[in-house]
Amino acid sequence: MSQTTGPDIHDGDPIDGDAIPEALTRSSFRYADGATQVFTRDGRTTFTENGTPTSGEWGVDENGRFWSFWPPSYRATYDVSWIVDADGRAAGVRFVDVRGGVPSKGRYALPAPN
């Protein structure tokens, strides 16, 4: 099983497919623009921006990559990696759309256990 916290992870380390569910559901996320996101273990996600929630689905594909679907038709696949603070604590997840674009950095809204 993949290491998800502690001294064996470093900033920028990829998150293995088997560790993605724990990494995404351990806490809600806060983004730099103030948006928030919650992932639940049943594959649902809610992204809230400017007080407006949007519901979607998420999962891990057969190649160990994170994917999300936002009805009615937006689907994307992401490489995900750890955001680790200087003290070695996992502070969030970096999402990079495999089609390109600017990475999105979701930081844990509550202190995540180390």
PDB file of N, CA and C in Angstrom:
ATOM      1  N   MET A   1       0.843  -1.186   0.000  1.00  0.00           N
ATOM      2  CA  MET A   1       0.000   0.000   0.000  1.00  0.00           C
ATOM      3  C   MET A   1       0.880   1.238   0.000  1.00  0.00           C
ATOM      4  N   SER A   2       0.428   2.287  -0.660  1.00  0.00           N
ATOM      5  CA  SER A   2       1.216   3.508  -0.794  1.00  0.00           C
ATOM      6  C   SER A   2       1.237   4.300   0.491  1.00  0.00           C
ATOM      7  N   GLN A   3       2.340   4.943   0.726  1.00  0.00           N
ATOM      8  CA  GLN A   3       2.479   5.837   1.859  1.00  0.00           C
ATOM      9  C   GLN A   3       1.673   7.099   1.573  1.00  0.00           C
ATOM     10  N   THR A   4       0.847   7.546   2.520  1.00  0.00           N
ATOM     11  CA  THR A   4       0.036   8.734   2.310  1.00  0.00           C
ATOM     12  C   THR A   4       0.408   9.891   3.228  1.00  0.00           C
ATOM     13  N   THR A   5       1.175   9.625   4.256  1.00  0.00           N
ATOM     14  CA  THR A   5       1.606  10.690   5.149  1.00  0.00           C
ATOM     15  C   THR A   5       2.955  10.331   5.740  1.00  0.00           C
ATOM     16  N   GLY A   6       3.543  11.317   6.394  1.00  0.00           N
ATOM     17  CA  GLY A   6       4.756  11.049   7.142  1.00  0.00           C
ATOM     18  C   GLY A   6       6.027  11.313   6.375  1.00  0.00           C
ATOM     19  N   PRO A   7       7.134  10.817   6.899  1.00  0.00           N
ATOM     20  CA  PRO A   7       8.445  11.167   6.366  1.00  0.00           C
ATOM     21  C   PRO A   7       8.735  10.594   4.973  1.00  0.00           C
ATOM     22  N   ASP A   8       7.899   9.655   4.508  1.00  0.00           N
ATOM     23  CA  ASP A   8       8.165   9.049   3.212  1.00  0.00           C
ATOM     24  C   ASP A   8       7.555   9.799   2.042  1.00  0.00           C
ATOM     25  N   ILE A   9       6.843  10.909   2.292  1.00  0.00           N
ATOM     26  CA  ILE A   9       6.324  11.700   1.186  1.00  0.00           C
ATOM     27  C   ILE A   9       7.006  13.055   1.162  1.00  0.00           C
ATOM     28  N   HIS A  10       7.121  13.600  -0.034  1.00  0.00           N
ATOM     29  CA  HIS A  10       7.761  14.892  -0.233  1.00  0.00           C
ATOM     30  C   HIS A  10       6.912  15.722  -1.174  1.00  0.00           C
ATOM     31  N   ASP A  11       7.066  17.029  -1.100  1.00  0.00           N
ATOM     32  CA  ASP A  11       6.317  17.917  -1.970  1.00  0.00           C
ATOM     33  C   ASP A  11       6.539  17.524  -3.430  1.00  0.00           C
ATOM     34  N   GLY A  12       5.454  17.366  -4.168  1.00  0.00           N
ATOM     35  CA  GLY A  12       5.533  17.012  -5.573  1.00  0.00           C
ATOM     36  C   GLY A  12       5.515  15.528  -5.869  1.00  0.00           C
ATOM     37  N   ASP A  13       5.625  14.674  -4.836  1.00  0.00           N
ATOM     38  CA  ASP A  13       5.554  13.230  -5.072  1.00  0.00           C
ATOM     39  C   ASP A  13       4.196  12.874  -5.658  1.00  0.00           C
ATOM     40  N   PRO A  14       4.176  12.035  -6.692  1.00  0.00           N
ATOM     41  CA  PRO A  14       2.890  11.577  -7.234  1.00  0.00           C
ATOM     42  C   PRO A  14       2.148  10.746  -6.194  1.00  0.00           C
ATOM     43  N   ILE A  15       0.820  10.811  -6.255  1.00  0.00           N
ATOM     44  CA  ILE A  15      -0.006   9.994  -5.371  1.00  0.00           C
ATOM     45  C   ILE A  15      -0.443   8.779  -6.178  1.00  0.00           C
ATOM     46  N   ASP A  16      -0.068   7.605  -5.712  1.00  0.00           N
ATOM     47  CA  ASP A  16      -0.435   6.366  -6.392  1.00  0.00           C
ATOM     48  C   ASP A  16      -1.952   6.183  -6.377  1.00  0.00           C
ATOM     49  N   GLY A  17      -2.450   5.477  -7.392  1.00  0.00           N
ATOM     50  CA  GLY A  17      -3.881   5.256  -7.518  1.00  0.00           C
ATOM     51  C   GLY A  17      -4.538   4.680  -6.286  1.00  0.00           C
ATOM     52  N   ASP A  18      -3.870   3.755  -5.605  1.00  0.00           N
ATOM     53  CA  ASP A  18      -4.475   3.152  -4.414  1.00  0.00           C
ATOM     54  C   ASP A  18      -4.507   4.103  -3.219  1.00  0.00           C
ATOM     55  N   ALA A  19      -3.742   5.178  -3.263  1.00  0.00           N
ATOM     56  CA  ALA A  19      -3.709   6.155  -2.173  1.00  0.00           C
ATOM     57  C   ALA A  19      -4.591   7.373  -2.449  1.00  0.00           C
ATOM     58  N   ILE A  20      -5.077   7.520  -3.686  1.00  0.00           N
ATOM     59  CA  ILE A  20      -5.881   8.695  -4.048  1.00  0.00           C
ATOM     60  C   ILE A  20      -7.142   8.817  -3.198  1.00  0.00           C
ATOM     61  N   PRO A  21      -7.938   7.763  -2.996  1.00  0.00           N
ATOM     62  CA  PRO A  21      -9.147   7.944  -2.179  1.00  0.00           C
ATOM     63  C   PRO A  21      -8.877   8.501  -0.783  1.00  0.00           C
ATOM     64  N   GLU A  22      -7.870   7.988  -0.114  1.00  0.00           N
ATOM     65  CA  GLU A  22      -7.559   8.496   1.231  1.00  0.00           C
ATOM     66  C   GLU A  22      -7.073   9.939   1.163  1.00  0.00           C
ATOM     67  N   ALA A  23      -6.255  10.266   0.175  1.00  0.00           N
ATOM     68  CA  ALA A  23      -5.732  11.630   0.040  1.00  0.00           C
ATOM     69  C   ALA A  23      -6.843  12.636  -0.211  1.00  0.00           C
ATOM     70  N   LEU A  24      -7.870  12.244  -0.972  1.00  0.00           N
ATOM     71  CA  LEU A  24      -8.946  13.173  -1.316  1.00  0.00           C
ATOM     72  C   LEU A  24     -10.023  13.281  -0.248  1.00  0.00           C
ATOM     73  N   THR A  25     -10.218  12.239   0.540  1.00  0.00           N
ATOM     74  CA  THR A  25     -11.337  12.251   1.491  1.00  0.00           C
ATOM     75  C   THR A  25     -10.918  12.548   2.932  1.00  0.00           C
ATOM     76  N   ARG A  26      -9.657  12.794   3.166  1.00  0.00           N
ATOM     77  CA  ARG A  26      -9.201  13.007   4.547  1.00  0.00           C
ATOM     78  C   ARG A  26      -9.638  14.340   5.121  1.00  0.00           C
ATOM     79  N   SER A  27      -9.954  15.323   4.259  1.00  0.00           N
ATOM     80  CA  SER A  27     -10.390  16.643   4.701  1.00  0.00           C
ATOM     81  C   SER A  27     -10.972  17.366   3.501  1.00  0.00           C
ATOM     82  N   SER A  28     -11.749  18.396   3.764  1.00  0.00           N
ATOM     83  CA  SER A  28     -12.190  19.235   2.651  1.00  0.00           C
ATOM     84  C   SER A  28     -10.997  20.057   2.169  1.00  0.00           C
ATOM     85  N   PHE A  29     -11.120  20.597   0.955  1.00  0.00           N
ATOM     86  CA  PHE A  29     -10.048  21.391   0.355  1.00  0.00           C
ATOM     87  C   PHE A  29     -10.452  22.852   0.260  1.00  0.00           C
ATOM     88  N   ARG A  30      -9.451  23.716   0.344  1.00  0.00           N
ATOM     89  CA  ARG A  30      -9.632  25.146   0.101  1.00  0.00           C
ATOM     90  C   ARG A  30      -8.616  25.532  -0.964  1.00  0.00           C
ATOM     91  N   TYR A  31      -9.086  26.294  -1.953  1.00  0.00           N
ATOM     92  CA  TYR A  31      -8.229  26.754  -3.049  1.00  0.00           C
ATOM     93  C   TYR A  31      -7.884  28.222  -2.852  1.00  0.00           C
ATOM     94  N   ALA A  32      -6.855  28.687  -3.538  1.00  0.00           N
ATOM     95  CA  ALA A  32      -6.350  30.060  -3.374  1.00  0.00           C
ATOM     96  C   ALA A  32      -7.425  31.113  -3.631  1.00  0.00           C
ATOM     97  N   ASP A  33      -8.359  30.830  -4.529  1.00  0.00           N
ATOM     98  CA  ASP A  33      -9.410  31.806  -4.847  1.00  0.00           C
ATOM     99  C   ASP A  33     -10.578  31.763  -3.865  1.00  0.00           C
ATOM    100  N   GLY A  34     -10.489  30.934  -2.825  1.00  0.00           N
ATOM    101  CA  GLY A  34     -11.529  30.840  -1.814  1.00  0.00           C
ATOM    102  C   GLY A  34     -12.539  29.733  -2.055  1.00  0.00           C
ATOM    103  N   ALA A  35     -12.495  29.104  -3.212  1.00  0.00           N
ATOM    104  CA  ALA A  35     -13.394  27.980  -3.489  1.00  0.00           C
ATOM    105  C   ALA A  35     -13.052  26.821  -2.560  1.00  0.00           C
ATOM    106  N   THR A  36     -14.043  25.967  -2.316  1.00  0.00           N
ATOM    107  CA  THR A  36     -13.838  24.790  -1.485  1.00  0.00           C
ATOM    108  C   THR A  36     -14.324  23.560  -2.236  1.00  0.00           C
ATOM    109  N   GLN A  37     -13.857  22.387  -1.803  1.00  0.00           N
ATOM    110  CA  GLN A  37     -14.288  21.145  -2.419  1.00  0.00           C
ATOM    111  C   GLN A  37     -14.264  20.037  -1.387  1.00  0.00           C
ATOM    112  N   VAL A  38     -15.272  19.177  -1.463  1.00  0.00           N
ATOM    113  CA  VAL A  38     -15.379  18.012  -0.601  1.00  0.00           C
ATOM    114  C   VAL A  38     -15.498  16.781  -1.488  1.00  0.00           C
ATOM    115  N   PHE A  39     -14.701  15.763  -1.190  1.00  0.00           N
ATOM    116  CA  PHE A  39     -14.780  14.472  -1.863  1.00  0.00           C
ATOM    117  C   PHE A  39     -15.283  13.465  -0.837  1.00  0.00           C
ATOM    118  N   THR A  40     -16.227  12.611  -1.228  1.00  0.00           N
ATOM    119  CA  THR A  40     -16.715  11.576  -0.328  1.00  0.00           C
ATOM    120  C   THR A  40     -16.296  10.213  -0.861  1.00  0.00           C
ATOM    121  N   ARG A  41     -16.210   9.243   0.030  1.00  0.00           N
ATOM    122  CA  ARG A  41     -15.734   7.902  -0.347  1.00  0.00           C
ATOM    123  C   ARG A  41     -16.645   7.192  -1.344  1.00  0.00           C
ATOM    124  N   ASP A  42     -17.883   7.639  -1.463  1.00  0.00           N
ATOM    125  CA  ASP A  42     -18.805   7.002  -2.411  1.00  0.00           C
ATOM    126  C   ASP A  42     -18.677   7.570  -3.833  1.00  0.00           C
ATOM    127  N   GLY A  43     -17.635   8.381  -4.081  1.00  0.00           N
ATOM    128  CA  GLY A  43     -17.378   8.885  -5.423  1.00  0.00           C
ATOM    129  C   GLY A  43     -18.106  10.172  -5.780  1.00  0.00           C
ATOM    130  N   ARG A  44     -18.568  10.888  -4.792  1.00  0.00           N
ATOM    131  CA  ARG A  44     -19.230  12.176  -5.051  1.00  0.00           C
ATOM    132  C   ARG A  44     -18.305  13.310  -4.640  1.00  0.00           C
ATOM    133  N   THR A  45     -18.501  14.445  -5.289  1.00  0.00           N
ATOM    134  CA  THR A  45     -17.738  15.634  -4.927  1.00  0.00           C
ATOM    135  C   THR A  45     -18.628  16.858  -5.070  1.00  0.00           C
ATOM    136  N   THR A  46     -18.402  17.840  -4.210  1.00  0.00           N
ATOM    137  CA  THR A  46     -19.090  19.122  -4.294  1.00  0.00           C
ATOM    138  C   THR A  46     -18.042  20.213  -4.291  1.00  0.00           C
ATOM    139  N   PHE A  47     -18.074  21.038  -5.335  1.00  0.00           N
ATOM    140  CA  PHE A  47     -17.176  22.175  -5.486  1.00  0.00           C
ATOM    141  C   PHE A  47     -18.025  23.414  -5.256  1.00  0.00           C
ATOM    142  N   THR A  48     -17.606  24.283  -4.339  1.00  0.00           N
ATOM    143  CA  THR A  48     -18.365  25.485  -4.019  1.00  0.00           C
ATOM    144  C   THR A  48     -17.511  26.709  -4.334  1.00  0.00           C
ATOM    145  N   GLU A  49     -18.038  27.541  -5.221  1.00  0.00           N
ATOM    146  CA  GLU A  49     -17.339  28.761  -5.637  1.00  0.00           C
ATOM    147  C   GLU A  49     -18.301  29.932  -5.513  1.00  0.00           C
ATOM    148  N   ASN A  50     -17.879  30.982  -4.813  1.00  0.00           N
ATOM    149  CA  ASN A  50     -18.721  32.159  -4.575  1.00  0.00           C
ATOM    150  C   ASN A  50     -20.080  31.772  -3.997  1.00  0.00           C
ATOM    151  N   GLY A  51     -20.085  30.780  -3.098  1.00  0.00           N
ATOM    152  CA  GLY A  51     -21.301  30.355  -2.435  1.00  0.00           C
ATOM    153  C   GLY A  51     -22.199  29.441  -3.247  1.00  0.00           C
ATOM    154  N   THR A  52     -21.800  29.120  -4.481  1.00  0.00           N
ATOM    155  CA  THR A  52     -22.618  28.273  -5.343  1.00  0.00           C
ATOM    156  C   THR A  52     -22.018  26.874  -5.448  1.00  0.00           C
ATOM    157  N   PRO A  53     -22.723  25.858  -4.941  1.00  0.00           N
ATOM    158  CA  PRO A  53     -22.206  24.490  -5.024  1.00  0.00           C
ATOM    159  C   PRO A  53     -22.513  23.840  -6.379  1.00  0.00           C
ATOM    160  N   THR A  54     -21.591  23.007  -6.844  1.00  0.00           N
ATOM    161  CA  THR A  54     -21.753  22.202  -8.049  1.00  0.00           C
ATOM    162  C   THR A  54     -21.389  20.775  -7.668  1.00  0.00           C
ATOM    163  N   SER A  55     -22.223  19.822  -8.059  1.00  0.00           N
ATOM    164  CA  SER A  55     -21.994  18.424  -7.708  1.00  0.00           C
ATOM    165  C   SER A  55     -21.437  17.640  -8.884  1.00  0.00           C
ATOM    166  N   GLY A  56     -20.515  16.741  -8.583  1.00  0.00           N
ATOM    167  CA  GLY A  56     -19.929  15.894  -9.606  1.00  0.00           C
ATOM    168  C   GLY A  56     -19.590  14.527  -9.046  1.00  0.00           C
ATOM    169  N   GLU A  57     -18.872  13.769  -9.848  1.00  0.00           N
ATOM    170  CA  GLU A  57     -18.428  12.435  -9.465  1.00  0.00           C
ATOM    171  C   GLU A  57     -16.925  12.338  -9.667  1.00  0.00           C
ATOM    172  N   TRP A  58     -16.300  11.399  -8.979  1.00  0.00           N
ATOM    173  CA  TRP A  58     -14.860  11.198  -9.132  1.00  0.00           C
ATOM    174  C   TRP A  58     -14.535   9.718  -8.953  1.00  0.00           C
ATOM    175  N   GLY A  59     -13.328   9.367  -9.395  1.00  0.00           N
ATOM    176  CA  GLY A  59     -12.856   8.000  -9.224  1.00  0.00           C
ATOM    177  C   GLY A  59     -11.409   7.886  -9.665  1.00  0.00           C
ATOM    178  N   VAL A  60     -10.943   6.660  -9.697  1.00  0.00           N
ATOM    179  CA  VAL A  60      -9.584   6.348 -10.127  1.00  0.00           C
ATOM    180  C   VAL A  60      -9.708   5.361 -11.278  1.00  0.00           C
ATOM    181  N   ASP A  61      -9.086   5.671 -12.413  1.00  0.00           N
ATOM    182  CA  ASP A  61      -9.218   4.795 -13.582  1.00  0.00           C
ATOM    183  C   ASP A  61      -8.272   3.597 -13.503  1.00  0.00           C
ATOM    184  N   GLU A  62      -8.332   2.743 -14.518  1.00  0.00           N
ATOM    185  CA  GLU A  62      -7.535   1.510 -14.541  1.00  0.00           C
ATOM    186  C   GLU A  62      -6.032   1.781 -14.597  1.00  0.00           C
ATOM    187  N   ASN A  63      -5.639   3.020 -14.940  1.00  0.00           N
ATOM    188  CA  ASN A  63      -4.224   3.387 -14.972  1.00  0.00           C
ATOM    189  C   ASN A  63      -3.774   4.084 -13.682  1.00  0.00           C
ATOM    190  N   GLY A  64      -4.659   4.147 -12.686  1.00  0.00           N
ATOM    191  CA  GLY A  64      -4.309   4.777 -11.412  1.00  0.00           C
ATOM    192  C   GLY A  64      -4.366   6.284 -11.446  1.00  0.00           C
ATOM    193  N   ARG A  65      -5.116   6.848 -12.402  1.00  0.00           N
ATOM    194  CA  ARG A  65      -5.257   8.304 -12.493  1.00  0.00           C
ATOM    195  C   ARG A  65      -6.616   8.742 -11.962  1.00  0.00           C
ATOM    196  N   PHE A  66      -6.605   9.895 -11.339  1.00  0.00           N
ATOM    197  CA  PHE A  66      -7.825  10.511 -10.825  1.00  0.00           C
ATOM    198  C   PHE A  66      -8.625  11.087 -11.987  1.00  0.00           C
ATOM    199  N   TRP A  67      -9.936  10.867 -11.961  1.00  0.00           N
ATOM    200  CA  TRP A  67     -10.822  11.472 -12.960  1.00  0.00           C
ATOM    201  C   TRP A  67     -11.995  12.132 -12.246  1.00  0.00           C
ATOM    202  N   SER A  68     -12.596  13.116 -12.921  1.00  0.00           N
ATOM    203  CA  SER A  68     -13.814  13.721 -12.402  1.00  0.00           C
ATOM    204  C   SER A  68     -14.790  13.943 -13.548  1.00  0.00           C
ATOM    205  N   PHE A  69     -16.063  13.909 -13.196  1.00  0.00           N
ATOM    206  CA  PHE A  69     -17.137  14.119 -14.156  1.00  0.00           C
ATOM    207  C   PHE A  69     -18.095  15.136 -13.563  1.00  0.00           C
ATOM    208  N   TRP A  70     -18.389  16.168 -14.354  1.00  0.00           N
ATOM    209  CA  TRP A  70     -19.315  17.213 -13.943  1.00  0.00           C
ATOM    210  C   TRP A  70     -20.440  17.260 -14.962  1.00  0.00           C
ATOM    211  N   PRO A  71     -21.632  16.808 -14.567  1.00  0.00           N
ATOM    212  CA  PRO A  71     -22.747  16.774 -15.518  1.00  0.00           C
ATOM    213  C   PRO A  71     -23.042  18.172 -16.077  1.00  0.00           C
ATOM    214  N   PRO A  72     -23.463  18.240 -17.323  1.00  0.00           N
ATOM    215  CA  PRO A  72     -23.907  17.089 -18.088  1.00  0.00           C
ATOM    216  C   PRO A  72     -22.803  16.392 -18.890  1.00  0.00           C
ATOM    217  N   SER A  73     -21.645  17.049 -19.130  1.00  0.00           N
ATOM    218  CA  SER A  73     -20.711  16.393 -20.054  1.00  0.00           C
ATOM    219  C   SER A  73     -19.227  16.636 -19.796  1.00  0.00           C
ATOM    220  N   TYR A  74     -18.863  17.397 -18.764  1.00  0.00           N
ATOM    221  CA  TYR A  74     -17.436  17.691 -18.566  1.00  0.00           C
ATOM    222  C   TYR A  74     -16.747  16.538 -17.849  1.00  0.00           C
ATOM    223  N   ARG A  75     -15.755  15.966 -18.502  1.00  0.00           N
ATOM    224  CA  ARG A  75     -14.968  14.879 -17.921  1.00  0.00           C
ATOM    225  C   ARG A  75     -13.491  15.255 -18.070  1.00  0.00           C
ATOM    226  N   ALA A  76     -12.710  15.006 -17.026  1.00  0.00           N
ATOM    227  CA  ALA A  76     -11.278  15.308 -17.073  1.00  0.00           C
ATOM    228  C   ALA A  76     -10.515  14.251 -16.284  1.00  0.00           C
ATOM    229  N   THR A  77      -9.263  14.062 -16.659  1.00  0.00           N
ATOM    230  CA  THR A  77      -8.362  13.144 -15.967  1.00  0.00           C
ATOM    231  C   THR A  77      -7.163  13.954 -15.498  1.00  0.00           C
ATOM    232  N   TYR A  78      -6.691  13.662 -14.295  1.00  0.00           N
ATOM    233  CA  TYR A  78      -5.635  14.445 -13.672  1.00  0.00           C
ATOM    234  C   TYR A  78      -4.515  13.558 -13.137  1.00  0.00           C
ATOM    235  N   ASP A  79      -3.303  14.079 -13.207  1.00  0.00           N
ATOM    236  CA  ASP A  79      -2.205  13.548 -12.411  1.00  0.00           C
ATOM    237  C   ASP A  79      -2.290  14.294 -11.087  1.00  0.00           C
ATOM    238  N   VAL A  80      -2.134  13.587  -9.988  1.00  0.00           N
ATOM    239  CA  VAL A  80      -2.214  14.223  -8.676  1.00  0.00           C
ATOM    240  C   VAL A  80      -0.916  13.984  -7.912  1.00  0.00           C
ATOM    241  N   SER A  81      -0.517  14.994  -7.170  1.00  0.00           N
ATOM    242  CA  SER A  81       0.706  14.901  -6.373  1.00  0.00           C
ATOM    243  C   SER A  81       0.491  15.621  -5.049  1.00  0.00           C
ATOM    244  N   TRP A  82       1.359  15.301  -4.110  1.00  0.00           N
ATOM    245  CA  TRP A  82       1.264  15.874  -2.764  1.00  0.00           C
ATOM    246  C   TRP A  82       1.749  17.311  -2.718  1.00  0.00           C
ATOM    247  N   ILE A  83       1.089  18.085  -1.881  1.00  0.00           N
ATOM    248  CA  ILE A  83       1.606  19.370  -1.410  1.00  0.00           C
ATOM    249  C   ILE A  83       2.040  19.088   0.018  1.00  0.00           C
ATOM    250  N   VAL A  84       3.318  19.260   0.297  1.00  0.00           N
ATOM    251  CA  VAL A  84       3.862  18.967   1.625  1.00  0.00           C
ATOM    252  C   VAL A  84       4.515  20.232   2.164  1.00  0.00           C
ATOM    253  N   ASP A  85       4.127  20.627   3.372  1.00  0.00           N
ATOM    254  CA  ASP A  85       4.717  21.807   4.007  1.00  0.00           C
ATOM    255  C   ASP A  85       6.144  21.534   4.456  1.00  0.00           C
ATOM    256  N   ALA A  86       6.844  22.591   4.809  1.00  0.00           N
ATOM    257  CA  ALA A  86       8.249  22.484   5.224  1.00  0.00           C
ATOM    258  C   ALA A  86       8.433  21.564   6.425  1.00  0.00           C
ATOM    259  N   ASP A  87       7.404  21.445   7.256  1.00  0.00           N
ATOM    260  CA  ASP A  87       7.508  20.574   8.438  1.00  0.00           C
ATOM    261  C   ASP A  87       7.245  19.107   8.101  1.00  0.00           C
ATOM    262  N   GLY A  88       7.026  18.797   6.808  1.00  0.00           N
ATOM    263  CA  GLY A  88       6.812  17.422   6.388  1.00  0.00           C
ATOM    264  C   GLY A  88       5.370  16.962   6.437  1.00  0.00           C
ATOM    265  N   ARG A  89       4.478  17.859   6.785  1.00  0.00           N
ATOM    266  CA  ARG A  89       3.055  17.513   6.885  1.00  0.00           C
ATOM    267  C   ARG A  89       2.398  17.601   5.510  1.00  0.00           C
ATOM    268  N   ALA A  90       1.619  16.571   5.159  1.00  0.00           N
ATOM    269  CA  ALA A  90       0.828  16.610   3.932  1.00  0.00           C
ATOM    270  C   ALA A  90      -0.198  17.728   4.081  1.00  0.00           C
ATOM    271  N   ALA A  91      -0.116  18.738   3.206  1.00  0.00           N
ATOM    272  CA  ALA A  91      -0.963  19.917   3.330  1.00  0.00           C
ATOM    273  C   ALA A  91      -2.038  19.988   2.264  1.00  0.00           C
ATOM    274  N   GLY A  92      -1.976  19.099   1.278  1.00  0.00           N
ATOM    275  CA  GLY A  92      -2.987  19.132   0.234  1.00  0.00           C
ATOM    276  C   GLY A  92      -2.567  18.345  -0.980  1.00  0.00           C
ATOM    277  N   VAL A  93      -3.304  18.590  -2.071  1.00  0.00           N
ATOM    278  CA  VAL A  93      -3.107  17.853  -3.313  1.00  0.00           C
ATOM    279  C   VAL A  93      -3.035  18.824  -4.484  1.00  0.00           C
ATOM    280  N   ARG A  94      -2.095  18.569  -5.375  1.00  0.00           N
ATOM    281  CA  ARG A  94      -1.937  19.327  -6.617  1.00  0.00           C
ATOM    282  C   ARG A  94      -2.574  18.508  -7.733  1.00  0.00           C
ATOM    283  N   PHE A  95      -3.480  19.117  -8.499  1.00  0.00           N
ATOM    284  CA  PHE A  95      -4.181  18.468  -9.601  1.00  0.00           C
ATOM    285  C   PHE A  95      -3.675  19.058 -10.916  1.00  0.00           C
ATOM    286  N   VAL A  96      -3.217  18.210 -11.844  1.00  0.00           N
ATOM    287  CA  VAL A  96      -2.752  18.680 -13.149  1.00  0.00           C
ATOM    288  C   VAL A  96      -3.530  17.927 -14.225  1.00  0.00           C
ATOM    289  N   ASP A  97      -4.352  18.657 -14.969  1.00  0.00           N
ATOM    290  CA  ASP A  97      -5.128  18.055 -16.054  1.00  0.00           C
ATOM    291  C   ASP A  97      -4.162  17.464 -17.067  1.00  0.00           C
ATOM    292  N   VAL A  98      -4.351  16.205 -17.442  1.00  0.00           N
ATOM    293  CA  VAL A  98      -3.420  15.548 -18.361  1.00  0.00           C
ATOM    294  C   VAL A  98      -3.440  16.182 -19.741  1.00  0.00           C
ATOM    295  N   ARG A  99      -4.475  16.988 -20.050  1.00  0.00           N
ATOM    296  CA  ARG A  99      -4.540  17.692 -21.335  1.00  0.00           C
ATOM    297  C   ARG A  99      -3.770  19.007 -21.307  1.00  0.00           C
ATOM    298  N   GLY A 100      -3.228  19.348 -20.155  1.00  0.00           N
ATOM    299  CA  GLY A 100      -2.481  20.603 -20.006  1.00  0.00           C
ATOM    300  C   GLY A 100      -3.262  21.594 -19.165  1.00  0.00           C
ATOM    301  N   GLY A 101      -2.673  22.737 -18.989  1.00  0.00           N
ATOM    302  CA  GLY A 101      -3.316  23.781 -18.193  1.00  0.00           C
ATOM    303  C   GLY A 101      -2.568  24.044 -16.906  1.00  0.00           C
ATOM    304  N   VAL A 102      -3.081  25.008 -16.188  1.00  0.00           N
ATOM    305  CA  VAL A 102      -2.473  25.436 -14.933  1.00  0.00           C
ATOM    306  C   VAL A 102      -2.850  24.459 -13.819  1.00  0.00           C
ATOM    307  N   PRO A 103      -1.877  24.003 -13.032  1.00  0.00           N
ATOM    308  CA  PRO A 103      -2.207  23.114 -11.914  1.00  0.00           C
ATOM    309  C   PRO A 103      -3.147  23.796 -10.920  1.00  0.00           C
ATOM    310  N   SER A 104      -3.999  23.014 -10.319  1.00  0.00           N
ATOM    311  CA  SER A 104      -4.891  23.491  -9.278  1.00  0.00           C
ATOM    312  C   SER A 104      -4.365  22.934  -7.959  1.00  0.00           C
ATOM    313  N   LYS A 105      -4.257  23.788  -6.955  1.00  0.00           N
ATOM    314  CA  LYS A 105      -3.709  23.357  -5.670  1.00  0.00           C
ATOM    315  C   LYS A 105      -4.772  23.436  -4.590  1.00  0.00           C
ATOM    316  N   GLY A 106      -5.206  22.277  -4.134  1.00  0.00           N
ATOM    317  CA  GLY A 106      -6.176  22.195  -3.058  1.00  0.00           C
ATOM    318  C   GLY A 106      -5.464  21.901  -1.752  1.00  0.00           C
ATOM    319  N   ARG A 107      -5.586  22.828  -0.804  1.00  0.00           N
ATOM    320  CA  ARG A 107      -4.964  22.623   0.499  1.00  0.00           C
ATOM    321  C   ARG A 107      -6.033  22.133   1.474  1.00  0.00           C
ATOM    322  N   TYR A 108      -5.638  21.240   2.362  1.00  0.00           N
ATOM    323  CA  TYR A 108      -6.584  20.728   3.347  1.00  0.00           C
ATOM    324  C   TYR A 108      -7.109  21.884   4.187  1.00  0.00           C
ATOM    325  N   ALA A 109      -8.432  21.931   4.312  1.00  0.00           N
ATOM    326  CA  ALA A 109      -9.064  23.020   5.067  1.00  0.00           C
ATOM    327  C   ALA A 109      -8.834  22.850   6.568  1.00  0.00           C
ATOM    328  N   LEU A 110      -8.759  21.616   7.013  1.00  0.00           N
ATOM    329  CA  LEU A 110      -8.466  21.324   8.409  1.00  0.00           C
ATOM    330  C   LEU A 110      -7.104  20.692   8.471  1.00  0.00           C
ATOM    331  N   PRO A 111      -6.368  20.868   9.531  1.00  0.00           N
ATOM    332  CA  PRO A 111      -5.071  20.203   9.600  1.00  0.00           C
ATOM    333  C   PRO A 111      -5.236  18.701   9.410  1.00  0.00           C
ATOM    334  N   ALA A 112      -4.538  18.160   8.433  1.00  0.00           N
ATOM    335  CA  ALA A 112      -4.583  16.716   8.173  1.00  0.00           C
ATOM    336  C   ALA A 112      -3.559  16.030   9.058  1.00  0.00           C
ATOM    337  N   PRO A 113      -3.863  14.832   9.531  1.00  0.00           N
ATOM    338  CA  PRO A 113      -2.888  14.124  10.364  1.00  0.00           C
ATOM    339  C   PRO A 113      -1.629  13.799   9.591  1.00  0.00           C
ATOM    340  N   ASN A 114      -0.515  13.797  10.252  1.00  0.00           N
ATOM    341  CA  ASN A 114       0.763  13.502   9.587  1.00  0.00           C
ATOM    342  C   ASN A 114       1.032  12.037   9.551  1.00  0.00           C
TER     343      ASN A 114
END
